Protein backbone atom coordinates (compact mmCIF):
# COMPACT_ATOMS: atom_id res chain seq x y z
CA MET A 1 -186.69 163.22 46.60
CA PHE A 2 -187.67 160.11 44.59
CA ALA A 3 -185.01 157.91 43.25
CA LEU A 4 -185.26 154.53 41.30
CA HIS A 5 -183.28 151.59 42.83
CA LEU A 6 -182.25 148.98 40.51
CA ARG A 7 -182.42 145.93 42.53
CA GLU A 8 -181.86 143.38 39.87
CA THR A 9 -178.71 144.98 38.47
CA HIS A 10 -175.69 143.73 40.16
CA CYS A 11 -174.33 146.25 42.83
CA ASP A 12 -171.27 145.11 44.30
CA ILE A 13 -171.15 147.25 47.26
CA TYR A 14 -174.66 146.48 48.17
CA GLN A 15 -173.84 142.61 48.08
CA GLN A 16 -170.60 143.25 50.43
CA LEU A 17 -172.45 145.40 52.81
CA GLY A 18 -175.15 142.88 53.04
CA ARG A 19 -172.89 139.98 53.41
CA LEU A 20 -171.08 141.95 56.32
CA SER A 21 -174.31 142.97 57.98
CA HIS A 22 -175.65 139.44 57.94
CA SER A 23 -172.67 137.20 58.55
CA TRP A 24 -171.01 139.41 60.85
CA LEU A 25 -173.22 141.95 62.71
CA GLU A 26 -176.17 139.51 62.84
CA ASN A 27 -174.80 136.08 63.36
CA GLN A 28 -171.67 136.81 65.29
CA ILE A 29 -173.08 139.73 67.50
CA ILE A 30 -176.49 140.63 67.51
CA ARG A 31 -178.17 137.11 67.88
CA VAL A 32 -175.48 135.94 70.48
CA GLU A 33 -176.96 135.77 73.86
CA PRO A 34 -174.57 137.85 76.31
CA SER A 35 -174.68 135.32 79.10
CA VAL A 36 -173.47 132.89 76.81
CA VAL A 37 -170.38 134.79 76.29
CA ALA A 38 -169.72 134.90 79.76
CA CYS A 39 -169.93 131.12 80.02
CA VAL A 40 -167.82 130.62 77.03
CA ARG A 41 -165.10 132.57 78.95
CA THR A 42 -165.25 130.56 82.04
CA ASP A 43 -166.69 127.00 81.23
CA ALA A 44 -163.49 124.62 80.59
CA ALA A 45 -165.77 122.44 78.32
CA MET A 46 -166.27 125.40 76.11
CA LEU A 47 -162.49 125.75 75.34
CA LYS A 48 -162.93 125.80 71.42
CA ALA A 49 -165.71 128.32 71.57
CA ARG A 50 -163.46 130.59 73.94
CA LEU A 51 -160.61 130.33 71.51
CA ASP A 52 -162.61 131.03 68.58
CA PHE A 53 -164.21 134.01 70.40
CA GLU A 54 -160.78 135.35 71.49
CA GLU A 55 -159.63 135.15 67.63
CA ARG A 56 -162.61 137.30 66.60
CA ILE A 57 -162.26 139.86 69.37
CA LYS A 58 -158.49 140.29 69.92
CA PRO A 59 -156.70 143.51 68.31
CA GLY A 60 -156.16 142.50 64.73
CA GLY A 61 -158.79 139.62 64.76
CA GLU A 62 -161.67 139.17 62.39
CA PHE A 63 -163.77 141.80 64.04
CA ASP A 64 -161.09 144.49 63.61
CA ARG A 65 -160.71 143.14 60.15
CA ARG A 66 -164.55 143.59 59.30
CA ILE A 67 -164.46 146.99 60.90
CA VAL A 68 -161.78 147.83 58.52
CA GLU A 69 -163.74 146.51 55.57
CA THR A 70 -166.92 148.16 56.60
CA ARG A 71 -165.19 151.53 56.96
CA ALA A 72 -163.73 151.13 53.44
CA LEU A 73 -166.99 150.28 51.96
CA ALA A 74 -168.23 153.25 53.66
CA HIS A 75 -166.18 155.63 52.14
CA ARG A 76 -166.88 154.18 48.54
CA ILE A 77 -170.78 154.58 49.20
CA SER A 78 -171.23 157.36 46.77
CA ASP A 79 -169.39 155.59 43.85
CA GLY A 80 -170.96 152.33 44.92
CA PHE A 81 -174.49 153.06 44.37
CA SER A 82 -173.85 155.61 41.38
CA PRO A 83 -175.65 154.76 38.02
CA GLN A 84 -172.27 155.78 36.37
CA GLN A 85 -171.31 152.18 36.58
CA LEU A 86 -173.77 151.26 34.14
CA ILE A 87 -172.37 153.12 31.40
CA ASP A 88 -169.55 150.83 30.44
CA ASP A 89 -171.99 147.78 30.14
CA GLY A 90 -174.87 147.28 27.85
CA PRO A 91 -175.84 149.57 24.76
CA LEU A 92 -173.48 152.44 25.91
CA ALA A 93 -170.39 150.46 25.89
CA THR A 94 -170.05 150.79 22.16
CA LEU A 95 -169.49 154.55 22.56
CA SER A 96 -165.98 155.92 22.76
CA SER A 97 -164.17 156.15 25.89
CA GLU A 98 -164.31 159.94 25.86
CA ALA A 99 -168.05 159.66 25.27
CA ARG A 100 -168.58 157.36 27.93
CA GLU A 101 -166.36 159.29 30.48
CA ALA A 102 -168.48 162.43 29.63
CA ILE A 103 -171.79 160.68 30.19
CA LYS A 104 -170.76 159.27 33.46
CA THR A 105 -169.43 162.48 34.88
CA VAL A 106 -172.99 164.16 34.08
CA ILE A 107 -174.99 161.26 35.61
CA HIS A 108 -172.89 160.82 38.66
CA ARG A 109 -173.09 164.53 39.28
CA GLU A 110 -176.81 164.36 38.76
CA TYR A 111 -177.23 161.39 41.00
CA LEU A 112 -174.99 163.15 43.80
CA GLU A 113 -177.31 166.29 43.46
CA GLN A 114 -180.70 164.55 43.43
CA THR A 115 -179.89 161.91 46.19
CA GLU A 116 -178.82 162.21 49.57
CA ILE A 117 -176.30 159.38 49.48
CA GLU A 118 -173.32 161.44 50.61
CA GLN A 119 -175.32 162.27 53.69
CA THR A 120 -175.38 158.89 54.82
CA ILE A 121 -171.56 158.36 54.91
CA GLU A 122 -170.63 160.45 58.06
CA PRO A 123 -173.41 158.76 60.33
CA LEU A 124 -172.25 155.30 58.87
CA VAL A 125 -168.54 156.13 59.45
CA HIS A 126 -169.62 157.36 63.15
CA ALA A 127 -171.38 153.86 63.77
CA ILE A 128 -168.42 152.14 62.68
CA ASP A 129 -166.32 154.11 65.05
CA ASP A 130 -168.86 153.61 67.93
CA LEU A 131 -168.79 149.93 67.35
CA GLU A 132 -164.92 149.75 67.01
CA ASN A 133 -164.92 151.54 70.46
CA ALA A 134 -167.29 149.10 71.96
CA LEU A 135 -165.23 146.21 70.56
CA ARG A 136 -162.09 147.58 72.27
CA VAL A 137 -163.93 147.69 75.71
CA LEU A 138 -165.18 144.25 75.24
CA SER A 139 -161.64 142.90 74.22
CA ARG A 140 -160.13 144.90 77.13
CA ILE A 141 -162.42 143.26 79.62
CA TRP A 142 -162.38 139.85 78.31
CA PHE A 143 -158.66 139.78 78.60
CA GLN A 144 -158.41 141.05 81.97
CA PRO A 145 -158.39 137.95 84.04
CA ASP A 146 -159.89 139.51 87.20
CA SER A 147 -162.86 141.29 85.25
CA GLU A 148 -166.29 140.17 86.58
CA ASP A 149 -168.98 138.43 84.55
CA SER A 150 -171.18 141.07 84.79
CA ASP A 151 -168.77 143.54 83.37
CA LEU A 152 -168.26 141.37 80.53
CA ILE A 153 -172.04 140.70 79.95
CA ASN A 154 -172.62 144.69 79.84
CA ALA A 155 -169.67 145.25 77.58
CA PHE A 156 -171.05 142.54 75.00
CA GLU A 157 -174.55 144.25 75.46
CA HIS A 158 -173.03 147.59 74.46
CA LEU A 159 -171.18 146.07 71.52
CA GLN A 160 -174.69 144.63 70.45
CA LEU A 161 -176.35 147.97 70.88
CA LYS A 162 -173.68 149.56 68.55
CA ALA A 163 -173.85 146.52 66.06
CA LYS A 164 -177.56 146.90 65.86
CA ALA A 165 -177.12 150.74 65.19
CA LEU A 166 -174.76 150.01 62.34
CA HIS A 167 -176.79 147.21 61.01
CA GLY A 168 -179.76 149.66 60.82
CA LYS A 169 -177.69 152.13 59.00
CA ILE A 170 -176.55 149.48 56.59
CA GLY A 171 -180.22 148.48 56.22
CA ASN A 172 -181.24 151.94 55.30
CA LEU A 173 -178.98 152.18 52.18
CA PRO A 174 -180.17 151.69 48.94
CA GLU A 175 -180.70 148.17 47.55
CA GLY A 176 -179.11 148.63 44.42
CA ILE A 177 -177.68 151.08 41.99
CA VAL A 178 -179.68 154.38 42.17
CA LEU A 179 -180.97 156.36 39.43
CA PRO A 180 -181.70 160.04 39.93
């Protein structure tokens, strides 16, 4: 099915997902060398890096907050890429609120019927869940004082694998508002 993506039109959800994908998944997980993570934990000279990393991976830390934020965005995908958001701006903004609501309803229904946007939600949420589970394992191993470096490296590599899968799913989403 062909759909037109309005890349030049402001699309809040695309921008938010893009920031998460780049600043969190890419820079803080995917591009990090797993062996460096093990060094950060054991090298006394890297105390600040260790404390920063611990703040990110601990329960309730930055990575948990990013997971919550990404999950919330995933559940907004259907509306976030919908052309219904164009109705209140531009030339149609002068119509009555009832007329605008009627147009929004029709255009959103057509958008859902003609695109496969709703089918992207479940796999995206599943990828988020997988990443969250991998984070739990990494965090448990990190904070377990007698864990081996090899276990930590394996757990971080698994986290990276799940981060890459989520990054790929985000990368396959539309790049803007979708017109059916």
